[in-house]
Amino acid sequence: MSNEIEIGRGKRGRRAYSFDDIAIVPSRRTRDPKDVSVEWQIDAYHFDLPILSAPMDSVMSPSTAVALGNHGGLGVLDLEGLWTRYESPEPLLAEIRDLPAERATQRMQEMYAEPIKPELITQRLKEVRAAGVTVAGALSPQRTQEHYQTVVDAGVDLFVIRGTTVSAEHVSGNAEPLNLKRFIYELDVPVVVGGASTYTAALHLMRTGAAGVLVGFGGGAAHTTRVGLGIHAPMATAVSDVAAARRDYLDESGGRYVHVIADGGVGRSGDIVKAVACGADAVMLGAALARAEEAPGRGWHWGPEAHHPALPRGERVEVGTAGTLEQVLFGPSGTADGTLNLVGALRRAMATTGYSDLKEFQRVEVVVSPYQPR
């Protein structure tokens, strides 16, 4: 049965689903949540939690990256953020939080116009390494050629190339584009790349040698990509499509497994559950971690799209503060809105449907919901 809908006589569109459109259903078996494993491993790096932080200044500082690492997740630093442009960014972070809405975008553009300083990239990554946790940093495709050697020399364990969208075949008549396949082959560290939102785009990224692919486009809490560019990828369909690319690439490559990481639209615990159910191995969280008391944004959230110098496709939004980072991850929760005890909710969902680990849980039955949940 075709999933296409006629938009008009000259255009048809495929029906796609967001996480709000679907639900998981129980099976014949249940388990004790204490018997459920949510561990995750990519390359040689093992994590107690399938959670990476989004590389955003409102979410991660060197100290919060260490804290998330100590809790069993992976903190990813934005190596183009305020922490690599200014020796002491705390006053600027406080200013961003206090800016009136009509002034926020322009003032952030001014702040982020300060050049990135390679010595600060080295310093920030070394601060994380000194704490003994896995070190991860992110650059955009546009900045990777310029700064990757500094990042590698500083001792990064996982290198993330993250943009609104990242393709294996960027075409430019003005500058030589980043050759992902050659770049990843020459690096000695595993690379996670994205975002991708379609089967074909993800398959091409997997063929570059990437260890993981980020899935998402314009679906985050602070994105306005759908409004500004008219582009958006509903996440349930996107994750499922990329998971299919992973399956086919596994056969094509003779057994090479590439991790699928949902990045965007994963704001509450139920979204994490559905992301894994659709095929994600892990999730990259922005707004969900920005609600922690320790987050640099202190209840405010923004990404690099919010201060693009020519065409901002994001904004500073108030997500509020829900509790400490430990409460956000492990509870206890005093609310029923999915903002606290994210890991406990994932364990509970897996136990309720009878699955013991994340790979098994990817096989859970999913239905299209006939209603819009709260």
Protein backbone atom coordinates (compact mmCIF):
# COMPACT_ATOMS: atom_id res chain seq x y z
CA MET A 1 0.00 0.00 0.00
CA SER A 2 1.41 3.39 -1.01
CA ASN A 3 2.17 5.88 1.74
CA GLU A 4 2.04 8.80 -0.68
CA ILE A 5 -0.57 11.54 -0.50
CA GLU A 6 -1.58 13.73 -3.41
CA ILE A 7 -0.74 17.32 -2.52
CA GLY A 8 -2.15 18.52 -5.84
CA ARG A 9 -2.18 17.32 -9.43
CA GLY A 10 1.50 18.09 -9.86
CA LYS A 11 2.94 16.95 -6.54
CA ARG A 12 2.74 13.93 -4.27
CA GLY A 13 4.25 13.63 -0.80
CA ARG A 14 5.19 10.71 1.42
CA ARG A 15 3.42 10.60 4.80
CA ALA A 16 5.97 10.92 7.59
CA TYR A 17 5.52 10.57 11.35
CA SER A 18 6.86 12.43 14.36
CA PHE A 19 7.37 10.83 17.76
CA ASP A 20 4.02 12.28 18.85
CA ASP A 21 2.32 10.29 16.08
CA ILE A 22 3.40 6.87 17.32
CA ALA A 23 3.32 4.73 20.44
CA ILE A 24 4.84 1.44 21.55
CA VAL A 25 2.69 -1.43 22.79
CA PRO A 26 3.33 -4.15 25.38
CA SER A 27 4.07 -7.72 24.40
CA ARG A 28 3.33 -10.99 26.19
CA ARG A 29 6.28 -10.59 28.58
CA THR A 30 7.23 -8.04 31.25
CA ARG A 31 10.45 -7.64 33.24
CA ASP A 32 11.77 -6.07 36.41
CA PRO A 33 13.24 -2.65 35.48
CA LYS A 34 16.32 -3.53 37.56
CA ASP A 35 17.06 -6.36 35.11
CA VAL A 36 17.09 -4.03 32.10
CA SER A 37 20.37 -2.80 30.58
CA VAL A 38 20.62 0.60 28.91
CA GLU A 39 24.36 0.35 28.27
CA TRP A 40 25.78 1.51 24.94
CA GLN A 41 29.14 1.14 23.24
CA ILE A 42 30.53 2.90 20.18
CA ASP A 43 33.92 1.82 18.90
CA ALA A 44 36.09 1.20 21.99
CA TYR A 45 34.08 3.47 24.27
CA HIS A 46 31.52 2.06 26.67
CA PHE A 47 28.77 4.12 28.33
CA ASP A 48 26.29 3.26 31.03
CA LEU A 49 23.69 5.46 29.31
CA PRO A 50 22.74 5.84 25.62
CA ILE A 51 22.83 9.62 26.02
CA LEU A 52 25.04 12.22 24.37
CA SER A 53 24.68 15.93 24.97
CA ALA A 54 24.00 18.23 22.07
CA PRO A 55 27.05 20.47 21.52
CA MET A 56 25.36 23.72 22.52
CA ASP A 57 26.56 26.48 24.84
CA SER A 58 23.27 26.43 26.75
CA VAL A 59 23.74 22.71 27.49
CA MET A 60 27.45 21.95 27.85
CA SER A 61 30.42 23.59 29.51
CA PRO A 62 33.61 21.68 30.36
CA SER A 63 32.28 21.12 33.88
CA THR A 64 28.86 19.83 32.76
CA ALA A 65 30.57 17.58 30.20
CA VAL A 66 32.53 16.07 33.07
CA ALA A 67 29.39 15.73 35.19
CA LEU A 68 27.50 13.95 32.39
CA GLY A 69 30.49 11.68 31.82
CA ASN A 70 30.60 10.78 35.51
CA HIS A 71 26.91 9.84 35.33
CA GLY A 72 27.61 7.46 32.44
CA GLY A 73 26.75 9.57 29.41
CA LEU A 74 28.86 11.51 26.91
CA GLY A 75 29.22 15.28 27.02
CA VAL A 76 30.01 16.82 23.63
CA LEU A 77 31.53 20.31 23.67
CA ASP A 78 30.73 22.87 20.98
CA LEU A 79 34.24 23.77 19.84
CA GLU A 80 32.89 26.82 18.00
CA GLY A 81 31.04 28.17 21.03
CA LEU A 82 31.74 30.82 23.61
CA TRP A 83 34.09 28.51 25.53
CA THR A 84 36.55 28.53 22.61
CA ARG A 85 36.14 32.22 21.77
CA TYR A 86 36.49 33.76 25.24
CA GLU A 87 38.72 32.95 28.20
CA SER A 88 35.86 33.68 30.61
CA PRO A 89 32.49 33.22 28.90
CA GLU A 90 30.34 33.18 32.05
CA PRO A 91 29.47 36.93 31.89
CA LEU A 92 28.36 36.51 28.28
CA LEU A 93 26.22 33.49 29.16
CA ALA A 94 24.56 35.56 31.87
CA GLU A 95 23.99 38.40 29.41
CA ILE A 96 22.33 36.06 26.89
CA ARG A 97 19.95 34.83 29.58
CA ASP A 98 18.92 38.40 30.41
CA LEU A 99 18.57 39.77 26.89
CA PRO A 100 15.14 41.08 25.83
CA ALA A 101 13.63 38.94 23.07
CA GLU A 102 13.87 41.65 20.42
CA ARG A 103 17.60 42.06 21.06
CA ALA A 104 18.66 38.44 21.59
CA THR A 105 19.52 37.34 18.04
CA GLN A 106 21.49 40.43 17.08
CA ARG A 107 23.49 40.49 20.31
CA MET A 108 24.35 36.78 20.02
CA GLN A 109 25.55 37.38 16.46
CA GLU A 110 27.91 40.02 17.85
CA MET A 111 29.21 37.72 20.60
CA TYR A 112 29.83 34.79 18.28
CA ALA A 113 31.65 36.99 15.75
CA GLU A 114 34.71 36.76 18.01
CA PRO A 115 37.28 34.47 16.35
CA ILE A 116 37.75 30.91 17.62
CA LYS A 117 41.06 30.54 19.44
CA PRO A 118 42.88 27.22 18.89
CA GLU A 119 44.56 27.45 22.29
CA LEU A 120 41.14 27.56 23.96
CA ILE A 121 40.03 24.45 22.04
CA THR A 122 43.06 22.69 23.49
CA GLN A 123 42.45 24.07 26.98
CA ARG A 124 38.75 23.09 27.14
CA LEU A 125 39.33 19.54 25.92
CA LYS A 126 42.20 19.08 28.36
CA GLU A 127 39.93 20.21 31.20
CA VAL A 128 37.56 17.36 30.36
CA ARG A 129 40.36 14.83 29.87
CA ALA A 130 41.86 15.71 33.27
CA ALA A 131 38.63 14.50 34.90
CA GLY A 132 39.08 11.02 33.44
CA VAL A 133 35.92 10.86 31.30
CA THR A 134 35.57 10.24 27.57
CA VAL A 135 36.38 13.42 25.63
CA ALA A 136 34.19 14.51 22.72
CA GLY A 137 34.05 17.75 20.76
CA ALA A 138 32.04 18.98 17.79
CA LEU A 139 32.82 21.15 14.79
CA SER A 140 30.62 22.16 11.89
CA PRO A 141 31.61 20.92 8.41
CA GLN A 142 32.63 24.48 7.54
CA ARG A 143 35.16 24.66 10.39
CA THR A 144 36.44 21.09 10.41
CA GLN A 145 39.34 21.57 7.98
CA GLU A 146 40.54 24.62 9.88
CA HIS A 147 40.49 23.19 13.41
CA TYR A 148 40.46 19.39 13.31
CA GLN A 149 44.22 19.01 13.84
CA THR A 150 44.02 21.12 16.99
CA VAL A 151 41.15 18.95 18.22
CA VAL A 152 42.99 15.68 17.55
CA ASP A 153 46.23 16.94 19.07
CA ALA A 154 44.35 17.93 22.23
CA GLY A 155 43.43 14.28 22.76
CA VAL A 156 39.79 14.00 21.73
CA ASP A 157 38.36 10.46 21.95
CA LEU A 158 35.30 10.96 19.73
CA PHE A 159 35.06 13.62 17.04
CA VAL A 160 31.62 14.92 16.05
CA ILE A 161 30.97 16.74 12.77
CA ARG A 162 27.54 18.25 13.25
CA GLY A 163 25.55 20.64 11.12
CA THR A 164 21.92 21.34 10.33
CA THR A 165 22.48 18.83 7.57
CA VAL A 166 25.67 17.03 6.57
CA SER A 167 26.04 15.22 3.26
CA ALA A 168 28.72 13.03 1.79
CA GLU A 169 28.46 14.95 -1.49
CA HIS A 170 28.53 18.69 -0.76
CA VAL A 171 28.94 20.65 -4.01
CA SER A 172 30.46 24.12 -4.04
CA GLY A 173 31.71 26.37 -6.81
CA ASN A 174 33.39 28.71 -4.33
CA ALA A 175 35.54 26.47 -2.15
CA GLU A 176 36.79 22.90 -1.99
CA PRO A 177 34.31 21.00 0.19
CA LEU A 178 35.26 18.67 3.02
CA ASN A 179 35.90 15.20 1.62
CA LEU A 180 34.38 13.17 4.44
CA LYS A 181 35.56 9.78 3.24
CA ARG A 182 39.19 10.84 2.91
CA PHE A 183 39.03 12.87 6.12
CA ILE A 184 37.61 10.07 8.26
CA TYR A 185 40.01 7.53 6.77
CA GLU A 186 43.01 9.67 7.74
CA LEU A 187 41.86 10.25 11.33
CA ASP A 188 42.83 7.95 14.20
CA VAL A 189 39.64 8.62 16.18
CA PRO A 190 36.04 7.51 15.55
CA VAL A 191 33.86 10.16 13.91
CA VAL A 192 30.14 10.77 14.34
CA VAL A 193 28.53 12.81 11.54
CA GLY A 194 25.13 14.36 10.88
CA GLY A 195 22.44 15.40 10.59
CA ALA A 196 20.87 13.15 8.08
CA SER A 197 17.19 12.46 7.68
CA THR A 198 16.79 10.09 4.74
CA TYR A 199 17.80 6.55 3.87
CA THR A 200 19.97 7.62 0.94
CA ALA A 201 21.79 10.44 2.74
CA ALA A 202 22.51 8.21 5.73
CA LEU A 203 23.76 5.34 3.57
CA HIS A 204 26.23 7.65 1.86
CA LEU A 205 27.46 8.95 5.23
CA MET A 206 27.93 5.37 6.45
CA ARG A 207 30.07 4.65 3.40
CA THR A 208 32.48 7.42 4.45
CA GLY A 209 33.58 5.30 7.42
CA ALA A 210 31.67 7.18 10.10
CA ALA A 211 31.22 5.33 13.39
CA GLY A 212 27.84 6.94 13.95
CA VAL A 213 25.24 9.01 12.10
CA LEU A 214 23.18 11.74 13.74
CA VAL A 215 19.54 11.76 12.64
CA GLY A 216 17.53 14.96 12.63
CA PHE A 217 16.85 18.14 10.75
CA GLY A 218 15.22 21.22 12.21
CA GLY A 219 13.27 19.43 14.91
CA GLY A 220 14.90 20.78 18.05
CA ALA A 221 13.20 23.01 20.60
CA ALA A 222 15.32 26.03 19.58
CA HIS A 223 15.16 25.48 15.80
CA THR A 224 13.15 27.60 13.38
CA THR A 225 14.38 25.75 10.28
CA ARG A 226 10.87 24.75 9.29
CA VAL A 227 9.79 28.40 9.41
CA GLY A 228 12.94 29.86 7.86
CA LEU A 229 13.75 27.29 5.18
CA GLY A 230 10.58 25.24 4.94
CA ILE A 231 12.59 22.08 5.71
CA HIS A 232 11.77 19.59 8.44
CA ALA A 233 12.11 15.82 8.95
CA PRO A 234 9.56 14.19 11.28
CA MET A 235 11.73 12.15 13.58
CA ALA A 236 9.97 8.77 13.85
CA THR A 237 10.15 8.31 10.09
CA ALA A 238 13.68 9.74 9.84
CA VAL A 239 15.10 7.42 12.51
CA SER A 240 13.36 4.42 11.00
CA ASP A 241 14.66 5.25 7.51
CA VAL A 242 18.24 5.67 8.76
CA ALA A 243 17.98 2.45 10.77
CA ALA A 244 17.05 0.71 7.51
CA ALA A 245 20.16 2.20 5.91
CA ARG A 246 22.23 0.81 8.80
CA ARG A 247 20.76 -2.66 8.23
CA ASP A 248 21.50 -2.58 4.52
CA TYR A 249 24.99 -1.15 5.02
CA LEU A 250 25.71 -3.93 7.51
CA ASP A 251 25.12 -6.42 4.68
CA GLU A 252 26.89 -4.31 2.07
CA SER A 253 30.03 -3.86 4.18
CA GLY A 254 30.24 -7.42 5.39
CA GLY A 255 29.34 -6.70 8.99
CA ARG A 256 30.37 -3.11 9.78
CA TYR A 257 27.86 -1.65 12.24
CA VAL A 258 27.21 2.12 12.20
CA HIS A 259 25.39 3.61 15.17
CA VAL A 260 22.21 5.60 14.67
CA ILE A 261 21.85 8.55 17.06
CA ALA A 262 18.57 10.49 17.22
CA ASP A 263 19.35 14.20 17.37
CA GLY A 264 16.40 16.59 17.56
CA GLY A 265 12.82 16.34 18.74
CA VAL A 266 13.90 14.22 21.74
CA GLY A 267 12.79 16.58 24.47
CA ARG A 268 11.14 14.25 27.00
CA SER A 269 11.48 10.71 28.26
CA GLY A 270 8.78 9.30 25.98
CA ASP A 271 10.65 10.66 22.95
CA ILE A 272 13.79 8.77 24.01
CA VAL A 273 11.75 5.57 24.29
CA LYS A 274 10.24 6.04 20.84
CA ALA A 275 13.59 6.95 19.27
CA VAL A 276 15.10 3.64 20.39
CA ALA A 277 11.93 1.80 19.34
CA CYS A 278 12.34 3.24 15.83
CA GLY A 279 15.93 1.99 15.65
CA ALA A 280 18.20 4.49 17.40
CA ASP A 281 21.16 3.16 19.36
CA ALA A 282 21.45 6.37 21.39
CA VAL A 283 20.04 9.88 21.62
CA MET A 284 21.61 13.33 21.56
CA LEU A 285 19.80 15.63 23.99
CA GLY A 286 19.63 19.41 23.94
CA ALA A 287 16.56 20.90 25.65
CA ALA A 288 16.19 17.88 27.94
CA LEU A 289 19.63 18.56 29.47
CA ALA A 290 19.25 22.34 29.26
CA ARG A 291 16.58 21.96 31.97
CA ALA A 292 19.23 20.84 34.49
CA GLU A 293 20.22 23.29 37.20
CA GLU A 294 23.89 22.95 36.23
CA ALA A 295 23.32 23.74 32.54
CA PRO A 296 25.11 26.94 31.43
CA GLY A 297 21.87 28.36 30.01
CA ARG A 298 20.19 28.24 33.45
CA GLY A 299 16.81 27.45 31.92
CA TRP A 300 17.45 29.17 28.57
CA HIS A 301 18.38 27.23 25.47
CA TRP A 302 19.89 28.08 22.09
CA GLY A 303 21.98 26.41 19.41
CA PRO A 304 24.46 27.59 16.79
CA GLU A 305 21.62 28.19 14.31
CA ALA A 306 20.38 31.03 16.56
CA HIS A 307 23.40 33.24 15.88
CA HIS A 308 24.19 32.49 12.23
CA PRO A 309 25.64 35.76 10.88
CA ALA A 310 23.50 35.89 7.74
CA LEU A 311 20.44 33.65 8.18
CA PRO A 312 19.56 32.62 11.75
CA ARG A 313 17.44 29.45 11.82
CA GLY A 314 17.00 29.17 15.55
CA GLU A 315 16.20 31.26 18.58
CA ARG A 316 16.83 31.54 22.26
CA VAL A 317 13.96 29.83 24.08
CA GLU A 318 13.10 29.44 27.73
CA VAL A 319 12.82 25.76 28.67
CA GLY A 320 12.90 26.31 32.42
CA THR A 321 14.78 24.43 35.11
CA ALA A 322 13.38 21.05 36.16
CA GLY A 323 15.98 19.80 38.63
CA THR A 324 19.62 18.81 39.01
CA LEU A 325 21.39 16.88 36.27
CA GLU A 326 21.15 13.77 38.43
CA GLN A 327 17.39 14.26 38.80
CA VAL A 328 16.98 14.84 35.06
CA LEU A 329 18.76 11.56 34.38
CA PHE A 330 17.79 9.35 37.32
CA GLY A 331 15.08 11.11 39.34
CA PRO A 332 13.33 11.06 41.62
CA SER A 333 10.68 12.95 39.69
CA GLY A 334 7.99 15.05 41.27
CA THR A 335 6.28 15.73 37.94
CA ALA A 336 4.58 13.57 35.33
CA ASP A 337 5.65 15.56 32.26
CA GLY A 338 8.66 13.48 31.18
CA THR A 339 11.33 16.03 32.09
CA LEU A 340 12.86 14.12 35.04
CA ASN A 341 14.16 10.56 35.46
CA LEU A 342 14.78 10.06 31.74
CA VAL A 343 16.76 6.87 32.29
CA GLY A 344 14.21 5.47 34.71
CA ALA A 345 11.47 6.02 32.14
CA LEU A 346 13.46 4.24 29.45
CA ARG A 347 14.08 1.31 31.78
CA ARG A 348 10.41 1.18 32.75
CA ALA A 349 9.24 1.21 29.12
CA MET A 350 11.67 -1.56 28.20
CA ALA A 351 10.62 -3.63 31.21
CA THR A 352 6.91 -3.08 30.59
CA THR A 353 7.27 -4.35 27.03
CA GLY A 354 9.53 -7.25 28.02
CA TYR A 355 12.91 -6.29 26.54
CA SER A 356 16.23 -6.63 28.35
CA ASP A 357 18.57 -4.40 26.34
CA LEU A 358 18.52 -1.63 23.75
CA LYS A 359 19.15 -3.83 20.71
CA GLU A 360 16.24 -6.07 21.65
CA PHE A 361 14.01 -3.06 22.31
CA GLN A 362 14.49 -1.87 18.72
CA ARG A 363 12.19 -4.77 17.77
CA VAL A 364 9.28 -3.59 19.92
CA GLU A 365 5.90 -3.22 18.21
CA VAL A 366 5.03 0.34 17.22
CA VAL A 367 1.59 1.68 16.28
CA VAL A 368 0.41 4.93 14.78
CA SER A 369 -1.50 6.72 17.51
CA PRO A 370 -5.08 7.75 16.70
CA TYR A 371 -4.75 10.75 19.03
CA GLN A 372 -2.34 13.50 20.04
CA PRO A 373 -0.88 12.69 23.46
CA ARG A 374 -0.22 15.39 26.01
